[in-house]
PDB file of N, CA and C in Angstrom:
ATOM      1  N   MET A   1     202.189  -8.211-113.020  1.00  0.00           N
ATOM      2  CA  MET A   1     202.422  -7.810-111.656  1.00  0.00           C
ATOM      3  C   MET A   1     202.485  -6.281-111.592  1.00  0.00           C
ATOM      4  N   MET A   2     201.893  -5.733-110.546  1.00  0.00           N
ATOM      5  CA  MET A   2     201.829  -4.288-110.384  1.00  0.00           C
ATOM      6  C   MET A   2     203.112  -3.793-109.710  1.00  0.00           C
ATOM      7  N   ARG A   3     203.704  -2.758-110.276  1.00  0.00           N
ATOM      8  CA  ARG A   3     204.889  -2.141-109.683  1.00  0.00           C
ATOM      9  C   ARG A   3     204.448  -1.025-108.752  1.00  0.00           C
ATOM     10  N   ILE A   4     205.128  -0.912-107.653  1.00  0.00           N
ATOM     11  CA  ILE A   4     204.819   0.136-106.685  1.00  0.00           C
ATOM     12  C   ILE A   4     205.742   1.318-106.945  1.00  0.00           C
ATOM     13  N   ASP A   5     205.147   2.460-107.183  1.00  0.00           N
ATOM     14  CA  ASP A   5     205.902   3.689-107.419  1.00  0.00           C
ATOM     15  C   ASP A   5     206.028   4.429-106.087  1.00  0.00           C
ATOM     16  N   PRO A   6     207.233   4.502-105.519  1.00  0.00           N
ATOM     17  CA  PRO A   6     207.407   5.153-104.220  1.00  0.00           C
ATOM     18  C   PRO A   6     206.906   6.596-104.189  1.00  0.00           C
ATOM     19  N   ASP A   7     207.042   7.310-105.296  1.00  0.00           N
ATOM     20  CA  ASP A   7     206.566   8.695-105.327  1.00  0.00           C
ATOM     21  C   ASP A   7     205.047   8.766-105.193  1.00  0.00           C
ATOM     22  N   ARG A   8     204.340   7.837-105.846  1.00  0.00           N
ATOM     23  CA  ARG A   8     202.874   7.823-105.751  1.00  0.00           C
ATOM     24  C   ARG A   8     202.425   7.423-104.353  1.00  0.00           C
ATOM     25  N   VAL A   9     203.126   6.471-103.737  1.00  0.00           N
ATOM     26  CA  VAL A   9     202.778   6.058-102.377  1.00  0.00           C
ATOM     27  C   VAL A   9     203.029   7.215-101.411  1.00  0.00           C
ATOM     28  N   ALA A  10     204.154   7.892-101.568  1.00  0.00           N
ATOM     29  CA  ALA A  10     204.451   9.042-100.704  1.00  0.00           C
ATOM     30  C   ALA A  10     203.384  10.120-100.851  1.00  0.00           C
ATOM     31  N   ARG A  11     202.968  10.393-102.084  1.00  0.00           N
ATOM     32  CA  ARG A  11     201.921  11.397-102.319  1.00  0.00           C
ATOM     33  C   ARG A  11     200.609  10.955-101.663  1.00  0.00           C
ATOM     34  N   ALA A  12     200.284   9.662-101.779  1.00  0.00           N
ATOM     35  CA  ALA A  12     199.055   9.156-101.166  1.00  0.00           C
ATOM     36  C   ALA A  12     199.104   9.299 -99.652  1.00  0.00           C
ATOM     37  N   LEU A  13     200.253   9.005 -99.052  1.00  0.00           N
ATOM     38  CA  LEU A  13     200.379   9.143 -97.606  1.00  0.00           C
ATOM     39  C   LEU A  13     200.214  10.597 -97.174  1.00  0.00           C
ATOM     40  N   LEU A  14     200.775  11.504 -97.944  1.00  0.00           N
ATOM     41  CA  LEU A  14     200.632  12.924 -97.609  1.00  0.00           C
ATOM     42  C   LEU A  14     199.207  13.418 -97.830  1.00  0.00           C
ATOM     43  N   ASP A  15     198.490  12.797 -98.768  1.00  0.00           N
ATOM     44  CA  ASP A  15     197.105  13.183 -99.042  1.00  0.00           C
ATOM     45  C   ASP A  15     196.108  12.514 -98.100  1.00  0.00           C
ATOM     46  N   ALA A  16     196.560  11.524 -97.340  1.00  0.00           N
ATOM     47  CA  ALA A  16     195.676  10.812 -96.413  1.00  0.00           C
ATOM     48  C   ALA A  16     195.239  11.763 -95.296  1.00  0.00           C
ATOM     49  N   PRO A  17     194.096  11.470 -94.682  1.00  0.00           N
ATOM     50  CA  PRO A  17     193.638  12.311 -93.572  1.00  0.00           C
ATOM     51  C   PRO A  17     194.695  12.384 -92.465  1.00  0.00           C
ATOM     52  N   GLY A  18     194.827  13.557 -91.890  1.00  0.00           N
ATOM     53  CA  GLY A  18     195.814  13.763 -90.839  1.00  0.00           C
ATOM     54  C   GLY A  18     195.633  12.827 -89.660  1.00  0.00           C
ATOM     55  N   TRP A  19     194.369  12.560 -89.295  1.00  0.00           N
ATOM     56  CA  TRP A  19     194.134  11.688 -88.147  1.00  0.00           C
ATOM     57  C   TRP A  19     194.701  10.297 -88.404  1.00  0.00           C
ATOM     58  N   ALA A  20     194.682   9.853 -89.665  1.00  0.00           N
ATOM     59  CA  ALA A  20     195.184   8.514 -89.980  1.00  0.00           C
ATOM     60  C   ALA A  20     196.706   8.468 -89.852  1.00  0.00           C
ATOM     61  N   ARG A  21     197.364   9.529 -90.279  1.00  0.00           N
ATOM     62  CA  ARG A  21     198.827   9.562 -90.168  1.00  0.00           C
ATOM     63  C   ARG A  21     199.249   9.601 -88.703  1.00  0.00           C
ATOM     64  N   VAL A  22     198.601  10.436 -87.925  1.00  0.00           N
ATOM     65  CA  VAL A  22     198.931  10.547 -86.506  1.00  0.00           C
ATOM     66  C   VAL A  22     198.439   9.323 -85.746  1.00  0.00           C
ATOM     67  N   GLY A  23     197.325   8.757 -86.209  1.00  0.00           N
ATOM     68  CA  GLY A  23     196.707   7.627 -85.524  1.00  0.00           C
ATOM     69  C   GLY A  23     197.575   6.393 -85.431  1.00  0.00           C
ATOM     70  N   LEU A  24     198.562   6.262 -86.310  1.00  0.00           N
ATOM     71  CA  LEU A  24     199.456   5.102 -86.238  1.00  0.00           C
ATOM     72  C   LEU A  24     200.246   5.073 -84.940  1.00  0.00           C
ATOM     73  N   THR A  25     200.406   6.219 -84.311  1.00  0.00           N
ATOM     74  CA  THR A  25     201.168   6.290 -83.061  1.00  0.00           C
ATOM     75  C   THR A  25     200.259   6.410 -81.839  1.00  0.00           C
ATOM     76  N   ALA A  26     198.967   6.213 -82.024  1.00  0.00           N
ATOM     77  CA  ALA A  26     198.008   6.347 -80.920  1.00  0.00           C
ATOM     78  C   ALA A  26     198.266   5.285 -79.853  1.00  0.00           C
ATOM     79  N   PRO A  27     197.929   5.596 -78.613  1.00  0.00           N
ATOM     80  CA  PRO A  27     198.166   4.639 -77.536  1.00  0.00           C
ATOM     81  C   PRO A  27     197.193   3.455 -77.536  1.00  0.00           C
ATOM     82  N   THR A  28     196.067   3.576 -78.223  1.00  0.00           N
ATOM     83  CA  THR A  28     195.099   2.480 -78.218  1.00  0.00           C
ATOM     84  C   THR A  28     195.149   1.699 -79.527  1.00  0.00           C
ATOM     85  N   GLU A  29     195.017   0.400 -79.400  1.00  0.00           N
ATOM     86  CA  GLU A  29     195.099  -0.493 -80.558  1.00  0.00           C
ATOM     87  C   GLU A  29     193.980  -0.234 -81.563  1.00  0.00           C
ATOM     88  N   ILE A  30     192.792   0.076 -81.079  1.00  0.00           N
ATOM     89  CA  ILE A  30     191.650   0.307 -81.975  1.00  0.00           C
ATOM     90  C   ILE A  30     191.923   1.491 -82.901  1.00  0.00           C
ATOM     91  N   ILE A  31     192.468   2.563 -82.362  1.00  0.00           N
ATOM     92  CA  ILE A  31     192.769   3.738 -83.188  1.00  0.00           C
ATOM     93  C   ILE A  31     193.895   3.422 -84.169  1.00  0.00           C
ATOM     94  N   ARG A  32     194.928   2.699 -83.708  1.00  0.00           N
ATOM     95  CA  ARG A  32     196.026   2.331 -84.611  1.00  0.00           C
ATOM     96  C   ARG A  32     195.525   1.481 -85.766  1.00  0.00           C
ATOM     97  N   GLU A  33     194.626   0.529 -85.482  1.00  0.00           N
ATOM     98  CA  GLU A  33     194.084  -0.330 -86.537  1.00  0.00           C
ATOM     99  C   GLU A  33     193.231   0.468 -87.522  1.00  0.00           C
ATOM    100  N   ALA A  34     192.408   1.378 -87.019  1.00  0.00           N
ATOM    101  CA  ALA A  34     191.578   2.208 -87.899  1.00  0.00           C
ATOM    102  C   ALA A  34     192.457   3.104 -88.771  1.00  0.00           C
ATOM    103  N   ALA A  35     193.510   3.647 -88.190  1.00  0.00           N
ATOM    104  CA  ALA A  35     194.423   4.503 -88.946  1.00  0.00           C
ATOM    105  C   ALA A  35     195.142   3.708 -90.029  1.00  0.00           C
ATOM    106  N   ALA A  36     195.596   2.519 -89.690  1.00  0.00           N
ATOM    107  CA  ALA A  36     196.277   1.677 -90.677  1.00  0.00           C
ATOM    108  C   ALA A  36     195.336   1.313 -91.815  1.00  0.00           C
ATOM    109  N   GLN A  37     194.087   1.018 -91.489  1.00  0.00           N
ATOM    110  CA  GLN A  37     193.097   0.686 -92.519  1.00  0.00           C
ATOM    111  C   GLN A  37     192.859   1.877 -93.447  1.00  0.00           C
ATOM    112  N   GLU A  38     192.747   3.063 -92.884  1.00  0.00           N
ATOM    113  CA  GLU A  38     192.525   4.267 -93.691  1.00  0.00           C
ATOM    114  C   GLU A  38     193.714   4.546 -94.607  1.00  0.00           C
ATOM    115  N   LEU A  39     194.923   4.391 -94.086  1.00  0.00           N
ATOM    116  CA  LEU A  39     196.107   4.594 -94.920  1.00  0.00           C
ATOM    117  C   LEU A  39     196.183   3.550 -96.030  1.00  0.00           C
ATOM    118  N   ALA A  40     195.852   2.306 -95.711  1.00  0.00           N
ATOM    119  CA  ALA A  40     195.855   1.253 -96.730  1.00  0.00           C
ATOM    120  C   ALA A  40     194.838   1.554 -97.826  1.00  0.00           C
ATOM    121  N   LEU A  41     193.661   2.036 -97.450  1.00  0.00           N
ATOM    122  CA  LEU A  41     192.647   2.399 -98.447  1.00  0.00           C
ATOM    123  C   LEU A  41     193.116   3.563 -99.312  1.00  0.00           C
ATOM    124  N   THR A  42     193.791   4.514 -98.701  1.00  0.00           N
ATOM    125  CA  THR A  42     194.305   5.656 -99.457  1.00  0.00           C
ATOM    126  C   THR A  42     195.337   5.201-100.478  1.00  0.00           C
ATOM    127  N   ILE A  43     196.228   4.313-100.074  1.00  0.00           N
ATOM    128  CA  ILE A  43     197.239   3.794-100.999  1.00  0.00           C
ATOM    129  C   ILE A  43     196.581   2.964-102.092  1.00  0.00           C
ATOM    130  N   ALA A  44     195.581   2.163-101.740  1.00  0.00           N
ATOM    131  CA  ALA A  44     194.886   1.349-102.742  1.00  0.00           C
ATOM    132  C   ALA A  44     194.184   2.231-103.769  1.00  0.00           C
ATOM    133  N   ARG A  45     193.678   3.377-103.340  1.00  0.00           N
ATOM    134  CA  ARG A  45     192.985   4.283-104.264  1.00  0.00           C
ATOM    135  C   ARG A  45     193.912   4.845-105.337  1.00  0.00           C
ATOM    136  N   ILE A  46     195.193   4.981-105.049  1.00  0.00           N
ATOM    137  CA  ILE A  46     196.103   5.516-106.066  1.00  0.00           C
ATOM    138  C   ILE A  46     196.296   4.529-107.206  1.00  0.00           C
ATOM    139  N   HIS A  47     195.993   3.267-106.943  1.00  0.00           N
ATOM    140  CA  HIS A  47     196.095   2.240-107.982  1.00  0.00           C
ATOM    141  C   HIS A  47     194.736   1.918-108.580  1.00  0.00           C
ATOM    142  N   GLY A  48     193.730   2.723-108.252  1.00  0.00           N
ATOM    143  CA  GLY A  48     192.402   2.524-108.821  1.00  0.00           C
ATOM    144  C   GLY A  48     191.597   1.434-108.146  1.00  0.00           C
ATOM    145  N   GLU A  49     192.082   0.934-107.033  1.00  0.00           N
ATOM    146  CA  GLU A  49     191.352  -0.099-106.307  1.00  0.00           C
ATOM    147  C   GLU A  49     190.494   0.567-105.242  1.00  0.00           C
ATOM    148  N   THR A  50     189.257   0.165-105.165  1.00  0.00           N
ATOM    149  CA  THR A  50     188.385   0.652-104.100  1.00  0.00           C
ATOM    150  C   THR A  50     187.642  -0.534-103.524  1.00  0.00           C
ATOM    151  N   THR A  51     187.181  -0.388-102.333  1.00  0.00           N
ATOM    152  CA  THR A  51     186.415  -1.461-101.725  1.00  0.00           C
ATOM    153  C   THR A  51     184.966  -1.316-102.135  1.00  0.00           C
ATOM    154  N   ALA A  52     184.405  -2.367-102.697  1.00  0.00           N
ATOM    155  CA  ALA A  52     183.022  -2.331-103.153  1.00  0.00           C
ATOM    156  C   ALA A  52     182.052  -2.495-101.985  1.00  0.00           C
ATOM    157  N   ALA A  53     182.463  -3.256-100.998  1.00  0.00           N
ATOM    158  CA  ALA A  53     181.585  -3.516 -99.866  1.00  0.00           C
ATOM    159  C   ALA A  53     181.669  -2.364 -98.872  1.00  0.00           C
ATOM    160  N   ALA A  54     180.527  -1.886 -98.471  1.00  0.00           N
ATOM    161  CA  ALA A  54     180.479  -0.814 -97.481  1.00  0.00           C
ATOM    162  C   ALA A  54     180.666  -1.403 -96.092  1.00  0.00           C
ATOM    163  N   ASP A  55     181.134  -0.601 -95.191  1.00  0.00           N
ATOM    164  CA  ASP A  55     181.285  -1.014 -93.809  1.00  0.00           C
ATOM    165  C   ASP A  55     179.906  -1.314 -93.233  1.00  0.00           C
ATOM    166  N   ALA A  56     179.779  -2.412 -92.523  1.00  0.00           N
ATOM    167  CA  ALA A  56     178.493  -2.813 -91.955  1.00  0.00           C
ATOM    168  C   ALA A  56     177.972  -1.790 -90.946  1.00  0.00           C
ATOM    169  N   ASP A  57     178.872  -1.019 -90.345  1.00  0.00           N
ATOM    170  CA  ASP A  57     178.468  -0.016 -89.358  1.00  0.00           C
ATOM    171  C   ASP A  57     178.077   1.322 -89.990  1.00  0.00           C
ATOM    172  N   GLN A  58     178.265   1.456 -91.295  1.00  0.00           N
ATOM    173  CA  GLN A  58     177.952   2.711 -91.982  1.00  0.00           C
ATOM    174  C   GLN A  58     176.457   2.822 -92.232  1.00  0.00           C
ATOM    175  N   LEU A  59     175.861   3.929 -91.818  1.00  0.00           N
ATOM    176  CA  LEU A  59     174.441   4.157 -92.055  1.00  0.00           C
ATOM    177  C   LEU A  59     174.216   4.599 -93.495  1.00  0.00           C
ATOM    178  N   VAL A  60     173.127   4.142 -94.077  1.00  0.00           N
ATOM    179  CA  VAL A  60     172.777   4.543 -95.432  1.00  0.00           C
ATOM    180  C   VAL A  60     171.937   5.809 -95.346  1.00  0.00           C
ATOM    181  N   LEU A  61     172.344   6.834 -96.079  1.00  0.00           N
ATOM    182  CA  LEU A  61     171.608   8.093 -96.077  1.00  0.00           C
ATOM    183  C   LEU A  61     170.817   8.217 -97.369  1.00  0.00           C
ATOM    184  N   ALA A  62     169.556   8.579 -97.241  1.00  0.00           N
ATOM    185  CA  ALA A  62     168.717   8.764 -98.429  1.00  0.00           C
ATOM    186  C   ALA A  62     169.146  10.030 -99.150  1.00  0.00           C
ATOM    187  N   LEU A  63     169.146   9.968-100.455  1.00  0.00           N
ATOM    188  CA  LEU A  63     169.535  11.149-101.234  1.00  0.00           C
ATOM    189  C   LEU A  63     168.345  11.938-101.581  1.00  0.00           C
TER     190      LEU A  63
END
């Protein structure tokens, strides 16, 4: 079982994009949900977890 280190979570929250931190208090549900998702991804990244599946709305850019 994975232990949650409060210091690492706090650091991840502070390192998250500013819009995501502020977005949790947004008046619209869509922005709050997007902000919560971004913060969750940021916290997951501190544990080495990333989402393999790309967002269906994300355009693929040729390199």
